[in-house]
PDB file of all heavy atoms in Angstrom:
ATOM      1  N   MET A   1       5.012  -8.496   5.580  1.00  0.00           N
ATOM      2  CA  MET A   1       5.190  -8.829   4.164  1.00  0.00           C
ATOM      3  C   MET A   1       4.059  -9.725   3.650  1.00  0.00           C
ATOM      4  O   MET A   1       3.556 -10.591   4.357  1.00  0.00           O
ATOM      5  CB  MET A   1       6.523  -9.562   3.957  1.00  0.00           C
ATOM      6  CG  MET A   1       7.760  -8.723   4.263  1.00  0.00           C
ATOM      7  SD  MET A   1       8.054  -7.438   3.035  1.00  0.00           S
ATOM      8  CE  MET A   1       8.487  -8.424   1.595  1.00  0.00           C
ATOM      9  N   ASN A   2       3.680  -9.479   2.393  1.00  0.00           N
ATOM     10  CA  ASN A   2       2.764 -10.334   1.631  1.00  0.00           C
ATOM     11  C   ASN A   2       1.342 -10.410   2.192  1.00  0.00           C
ATOM     12  O   ASN A   2       0.642 -11.399   2.005  1.00  0.00           O
ATOM     13  CB  ASN A   2       3.341 -11.749   1.510  1.00  0.00           C
ATOM     14  CG  ASN A   2       4.664 -11.754   0.762  1.00  0.00           C
ATOM     15  OD1 ASN A   2       4.816 -11.061  -0.247  1.00  0.00           O
ATOM     16  ND2 ASN A   2       5.637 -12.497   1.272  1.00  0.00           N
ATOM     17  N   LYS A   3       0.915  -9.353   2.852  1.00  0.00           N
ATOM     18  CA  LYS A   3      -0.480  -9.259   3.271  1.00  0.00           C
ATOM     19  C   LYS A   3      -1.313  -8.611   2.151  1.00  0.00           C
ATOM     20  O   LYS A   3      -0.799  -7.830   1.352  1.00  0.00           O
ATOM     21  CB  LYS A   3      -0.600  -8.409   4.542  1.00  0.00           C
ATOM     22  CG  LYS A   3      -0.030  -9.061   5.795  1.00  0.00           C
ATOM     23  CD  LYS A   3      -0.851 -10.248   6.227  1.00  0.00           C
ATOM     24  CE  LYS A   3      -0.343 -10.841   7.537  1.00  0.00           C
ATOM     25  NZ  LYS A   3      -1.130 -12.022   7.949  1.00  0.00           N
ATOM     26  N   LYS A   4      -2.590  -8.952   2.109  1.00  0.00           N
ATOM     27  CA  LYS A   4      -3.525  -8.245   1.234  1.00  0.00           C
ATOM     28  C   LYS A   4      -3.969  -6.997   1.998  1.00  0.00           C
ATOM     29  O   LYS A   4      -4.576  -7.111   3.065  1.00  0.00           O
ATOM     30  CB  LYS A   4      -4.726  -9.131   0.907  1.00  0.00           C
ATOM     31  CG  LYS A   4      -4.357 -10.377   0.117  1.00  0.00           C
ATOM     32  CD  LYS A   4      -5.576 -11.263  -0.110  1.00  0.00           C
ATOM     33  CE  LYS A   4      -5.194 -12.526  -0.871  1.00  0.00           C
ATOM     34  NZ  LYS A   4      -6.354 -13.435  -1.052  1.00  0.00           N
ATOM     35  N   VAL A   5      -3.648  -5.835   1.458  1.00  0.00           N
ATOM     36  CA  VAL A   5      -3.826  -4.592   2.197  1.00  0.00           C
ATOM     37  C   VAL A   5      -4.982  -3.763   1.652  1.00  0.00           C
ATOM     38  O   VAL A   5      -5.076  -3.525   0.442  1.00  0.00           O
ATOM     39  CB  VAL A   5      -2.533  -3.744   2.157  1.00  0.00           C
ATOM     40  CG1 VAL A   5      -2.718  -2.449   2.954  1.00  0.00           C
ATOM     41  CG2 VAL A   5      -1.341  -4.531   2.701  1.00  0.00           C
ATOM     42  N   ILE A   6      -5.854  -3.320   2.560  1.00  0.00           N
ATOM     43  CA  ILE A   6      -6.897  -2.353   2.216  1.00  0.00           C
ATOM     44  C   ILE A   6      -6.509  -1.030   2.855  1.00  0.00           C
ATOM     45  O   ILE A   6      -6.352  -0.947   4.073  1.00  0.00           O
ATOM     46  CB  ILE A   6      -8.275  -2.791   2.756  1.00  0.00           C
ATOM     47  CG1 ILE A   6      -8.624  -4.213   2.326  1.00  0.00           C
ATOM     48  CG2 ILE A   6      -9.355  -1.813   2.303  1.00  0.00           C
ATOM     49  CD1 ILE A   6      -9.810  -4.793   3.080  1.00  0.00           C
ATOM     50  N   ASP A   7      -6.338  -0.014   2.037  1.00  0.00           N
ATOM     51  CA  ASP A   7      -6.029   1.318   2.550  1.00  0.00           C
ATOM     52  C   ASP A   7      -7.289   2.169   2.468  1.00  0.00           C
ATOM     53  O   ASP A   7      -7.700   2.590   1.391  1.00  0.00           O
ATOM     54  CB  ASP A   7      -4.886   1.950   1.751  1.00  0.00           C
ATOM     55  CG  ASP A   7      -4.482   3.308   2.299  1.00  0.00           C
ATOM     56  OD1 ASP A   7      -4.561   3.491   3.536  1.00  0.00           O
ATOM     57  OD2 ASP A   7      -4.089   4.190   1.508  1.00  0.00           O
ATOM     58  N   ILE A   8      -7.896   2.407   3.628  1.00  0.00           N
ATOM     59  CA  ILE A   8      -9.158   3.141   3.688  1.00  0.00           C
ATOM     60  C   ILE A   8      -8.885   4.650   3.688  1.00  0.00           C
ATOM     61  O   ILE A   8      -8.108   5.143   4.489  1.00  0.00           O
ATOM     62  CB  ILE A   8      -9.950   2.755   4.957  1.00  0.00           C
ATOM     63  CG1 ILE A   8     -10.273   1.249   4.960  1.00  0.00           C
ATOM     64  CG2 ILE A   8     -11.218   3.584   5.072  1.00  0.00           C
ATOM     65  CD1 ILE A   8     -11.224   0.810   3.884  1.00  0.00           C
ATOM     66  N   GLY A   9      -9.556   5.374   2.799  1.00  0.00           N
ATOM     67  CA  GLY A   9      -9.343   6.808   2.705  1.00  0.00           C
ATOM     68  C   GLY A   9      -7.953   7.126   2.205  1.00  0.00           C
ATOM     69  O   GLY A   9      -7.202   7.879   2.814  1.00  0.00           O
ATOM     70  N   THR A  10      -7.594   6.560   1.078  1.00  0.00           N
ATOM     71  CA  THR A  10      -6.204   6.566   0.600  1.00  0.00           C
ATOM     72  C   THR A  10      -5.676   7.950   0.238  1.00  0.00           C
ATOM     73  O   THR A  10      -4.480   8.180   0.248  1.00  0.00           O
ATOM     74  CB  THR A  10      -6.077   5.616  -0.609  1.00  0.00           C
ATOM     75  OG1 THR A  10      -4.702   5.373  -0.857  1.00  0.00           O
ATOM     76  CG2 THR A  10      -6.741   6.201  -1.846  1.00  0.00           C
ATOM     77  N   ASP A  11      -6.564   8.872  -0.109  1.00  0.00           N
ATOM     78  CA  ASP A  11      -6.193  10.244  -0.473  1.00  0.00           C
ATOM     79  C   ASP A  11      -5.195  10.262  -1.637  1.00  0.00           C
ATOM     80  O   ASP A  11      -5.542   9.886  -2.745  1.00  0.00           O
ATOM     81  CB  ASP A  11      -5.643  10.985   0.746  1.00  0.00           C
ATOM     82  CG  ASP A  11      -5.613  12.500   0.533  1.00  0.00           C
ATOM     83  OD1 ASP A  11      -6.361  12.997  -0.334  1.00  0.00           O
ATOM     84  OD2 ASP A  11      -4.839  13.177   1.220  1.00  0.00           O
ATOM     85  N   HIS A  12      -3.946  10.634  -1.410  1.00  0.00           N
ATOM     86  CA  HIS A  12      -2.966  10.734  -2.495  1.00  0.00           C
ATOM     87  C   HIS A  12      -2.340   9.385  -2.875  1.00  0.00           C
ATOM     88  O   HIS A  12      -1.511   9.325  -3.782  1.00  0.00           O
ATOM     89  CB  HIS A  12      -1.856  11.715  -2.115  1.00  0.00           C
ATOM     90  CG  HIS A  12      -2.322  13.138  -2.050  1.00  0.00           C
ATOM     91  ND1 HIS A  12      -2.446  13.935  -3.162  1.00  0.00           N
ATOM     92  CD2 HIS A  12      -2.724  13.887  -1.000  1.00  0.00           C
ATOM     93  CE1 HIS A  12      -2.877  15.135  -2.799  1.00  0.00           C
ATOM     94  NE2 HIS A  12      -3.062  15.129  -1.483  1.00  0.00           N
ATOM     95  N   GLY A  13      -2.684   8.325  -2.153  1.00  0.00           N
ATOM     96  CA  GLY A  13      -2.181   6.998  -2.492  1.00  0.00           C
ATOM     97  C   GLY A  13      -0.743   6.749  -2.094  1.00  0.00           C
ATOM     98  O   GLY A  13      -0.096   5.851  -2.644  1.00  0.00           O
ATOM     99  N   LEU A  14      -0.231   7.498  -1.123  1.00  0.00           N
ATOM    100  CA  LEU A  14       1.161   7.325  -0.706  1.00  0.00           C
ATOM    101  C   LEU A  14       1.404   5.958  -0.082  1.00  0.00           C
ATOM    102  O   LEU A  14       2.440   5.334  -0.312  1.00  0.00           O
ATOM    103  CB  LEU A  14       1.560   8.431   0.286  1.00  0.00           C
ATOM    104  CG  LEU A  14       1.612   9.853  -0.262  1.00  0.00           C
ATOM    105  CD1 LEU A  14       1.953  10.834   0.863  1.00  0.00           C
ATOM    106  CD2 LEU A  14       2.630   9.961  -1.385  1.00  0.00           C
ATOM    107  N   VAL A  15       0.439   5.490   0.708  1.00  0.00           N
ATOM    108  CA  VAL A  15       0.596   4.185   1.376  1.00  0.00           C
ATOM    109  C   VAL A  15       0.626   3.046   0.365  1.00  0.00           C
ATOM    110  O   VAL A  15       1.561   2.232   0.370  1.00  0.00           O
ATOM    111  CB  VAL A  15      -0.520   3.982   2.429  1.00  0.00           C
ATOM    112  CG1 VAL A  15      -0.577   2.522   2.888  1.00  0.00           C
ATOM    113  CG2 VAL A  15      -0.276   4.894   3.631  1.00  0.00           C
ATOM    114  N   PRO A  16      -0.363   2.934  -0.551  1.00  0.00           N
ATOM    115  CA  PRO A  16      -0.301   1.863  -1.557  1.00  0.00           C
ATOM    116  C   PRO A  16       0.958   1.920  -2.408  1.00  0.00           C
ATOM    117  O   PRO A  16       1.553   0.885  -2.717  1.00  0.00           O
ATOM    118  CB  PRO A  16      -1.554   2.109  -2.403  1.00  0.00           C
ATOM    119  CG  PRO A  16      -2.471   2.840  -1.521  1.00  0.00           C
ATOM    120  CD  PRO A  16      -1.610   3.700  -0.651  1.00  0.00           C
ATOM    121  N   LEU A  17       1.344   3.116  -2.802  1.00  0.00           N
ATOM    122  CA  LEU A  17       2.515   3.261  -3.664  1.00  0.00           C
ATOM    123  C   LEU A  17       3.779   2.785  -2.956  1.00  0.00           C
ATOM    124  O   LEU A  17       4.606   2.074  -3.546  1.00  0.00           O
ATOM    125  CB  LEU A  17       2.674   4.723  -4.090  1.00  0.00           C
ATOM    126  CG  LEU A  17       3.697   4.997  -5.195  1.00  0.00           C
ATOM    127  CD1 LEU A  17       3.345   4.219  -6.464  1.00  0.00           C
ATOM    128  CD2 LEU A  17       3.755   6.501  -5.495  1.00  0.00           C
ATOM    129  N   TYR A  18       3.932   3.137  -1.696  1.00  0.00           N
ATOM    130  CA  TYR A  18       5.103   2.700  -0.928  1.00  0.00           C
ATOM    131  C   TYR A  18       5.119   1.176  -0.788  1.00  0.00           C
ATOM    132  O   TYR A  18       6.159   0.533  -0.978  1.00  0.00           O
ATOM    133  CB  TYR A  18       5.103   3.349   0.458  1.00  0.00           C
ATOM    134  CG  TYR A  18       6.261   2.925   1.333  1.00  0.00           C
ATOM    135  CD1 TYR A  18       7.442   3.654   1.340  1.00  0.00           C
ATOM    136  CD2 TYR A  18       6.180   1.795   2.150  1.00  0.00           C
ATOM    137  CE1 TYR A  18       8.512   3.267   2.137  1.00  0.00           C
ATOM    138  CE2 TYR A  18       7.235   1.401   2.944  1.00  0.00           C
ATOM    139  CZ  TYR A  18       8.405   2.143   2.930  1.00  0.00           C
ATOM    140  OH  TYR A  18       9.465   1.749   3.716  1.00  0.00           O
ATOM    141  N   LEU A  19       3.972   0.597  -0.455  1.00  0.00           N
ATOM    142  CA  LEU A  19       3.892  -0.852  -0.260  1.00  0.00           C
ATOM    143  C   LEU A  19       4.207  -1.601  -1.555  1.00  0.00           C
ATOM    144  O   LEU A  19       4.874  -2.640  -1.537  1.00  0.00           O
ATOM    145  CB  LEU A  19       2.498  -1.240   0.238  1.00  0.00           C
ATOM    146  CG  LEU A  19       2.105  -0.735   1.630  1.00  0.00           C
ATOM    147  CD1 LEU A  19       0.647  -1.045   1.919  1.00  0.00           C
ATOM    148  CD2 LEU A  19       3.010  -1.342   2.709  1.00  0.00           C
ATOM    149  N   ALA A  20       3.733  -1.070  -2.672  1.00  0.00           N
ATOM    150  CA  ALA A  20       3.984  -1.712  -3.964  1.00  0.00           C
ATOM    151  C   ALA A  20       5.438  -1.543  -4.392  1.00  0.00           C
ATOM    152  O   ALA A  20       6.081  -2.505  -4.826  1.00  0.00           O
ATOM    153  CB  ALA A  20       3.056  -1.121  -5.023  1.00  0.00           C
ATOM    154  N   LYS A  21       5.960  -0.347  -4.280  1.00  0.00           N
ATOM    155  CA  LYS A  21       7.339  -0.069  -4.704  1.00  0.00           C
ATOM    156  C   LYS A  21       8.357  -0.898  -3.927  1.00  0.00           C
ATOM    157  O   LYS A  21       9.401  -1.301  -4.467  1.00  0.00           O
ATOM    158  CB  LYS A  21       7.667   1.411  -4.505  1.00  0.00           C
ATOM    159  CG  LYS A  21       7.217   2.321  -5.638  1.00  0.00           C
ATOM    160  CD  LYS A  21       7.740   3.728  -5.435  1.00  0.00           C
ATOM    161  CE  LYS A  21       7.468   4.600  -6.650  1.00  0.00           C
ATOM    162  NZ  LYS A  21       8.023   5.968  -6.490  1.00  0.00           N
ATOM    163  N   ASN A  22       8.056  -1.147  -2.653  1.00  0.00           N
ATOM    164  CA  ASN A  22       8.995  -1.871  -1.802  1.00  0.00           C
ATOM    165  C   ASN A  22       8.677  -3.366  -1.679  1.00  0.00           C
ATOM    166  O   ASN A  22       9.217  -4.049  -0.806  1.00  0.00           O
ATOM    167  CB  ASN A  22       9.033  -1.222  -0.413  1.00  0.00           C
ATOM    168  CG  ASN A  22       9.696   0.148  -0.439  1.00  0.00           C
ATOM    169  OD1 ASN A  22      10.904   0.273  -0.389  1.00  0.00           O
ATOM    170  ND2 ASN A  22       8.883   1.201  -0.533  1.00  0.00           N
ATOM    171  N   ASN A  23       7.790  -3.853  -2.558  1.00  0.00           N
ATOM    172  CA  ASN A  23       7.450  -5.286  -2.613  1.00  0.00           C
ATOM    173  C   ASN A  23       6.954  -5.836  -1.278  1.00  0.00           C
ATOM    174  O   ASN A  23       7.174  -7.003  -0.960  1.00  0.00           O
ATOM    175  CB  ASN A  23       8.663  -6.099  -3.082  1.00  0.00           C
ATOM    176  CG  ASN A  23       9.068  -5.748  -4.491  1.00  0.00           C
ATOM    177  OD1 ASN A  23       8.223  -5.688  -5.390  1.00  0.00           O
ATOM    178  ND2 ASN A  23      10.352  -5.496  -4.700  1.00  0.00           N
ATOM    179  N   ILE A  24       6.289  -4.978  -0.501  1.00  0.00           N
ATOM    180  CA  ILE A  24       5.742  -5.422   0.782  1.00  0.00           C
ATOM    181  C   ILE A  24       4.418  -6.140   0.567  1.00  0.00           C
ATOM    182  O   ILE A  24       4.105  -7.107   1.247  1.00  0.00           O
ATOM    183  CB  ILE A  24       5.580  -4.220   1.733  1.00  0.00           C
ATOM    184  CG1 ILE A  24       6.955  -3.623   2.060  1.00  0.00           C
ATOM    185  CG2 ILE A  24       4.868  -4.633   3.023  1.00  0.00           C
ATOM    186  CD1 ILE A  24       6.908  -2.303   2.800  1.00  0.00           C
ATOM    187  N   SER A  25       3.642  -5.667  -0.410  1.00  0.00           N
ATOM    188  CA  SER A  25       2.372  -6.321  -0.756  1.00  0.00           C
ATOM    189  C   SER A  25       2.182  -6.332  -2.267  1.00  0.00           C
ATOM    190  O   SER A  25       2.562  -5.374  -2.944  1.00  0.00           O
ATOM    191  CB  SER A  25       1.196  -5.587  -0.099  1.00  0.00           C
ATOM    192  OG  SER A  25      -0.034  -6.129  -0.537  1.00  0.00           O
TER     193      SER A  25
END
């Protein structure tokens, strides 16, 4: 929780979207 996350090669952005929607980052 609450890490600054860099998603390399994000493609469709599923990882950032999940992390944001679930208040993980």
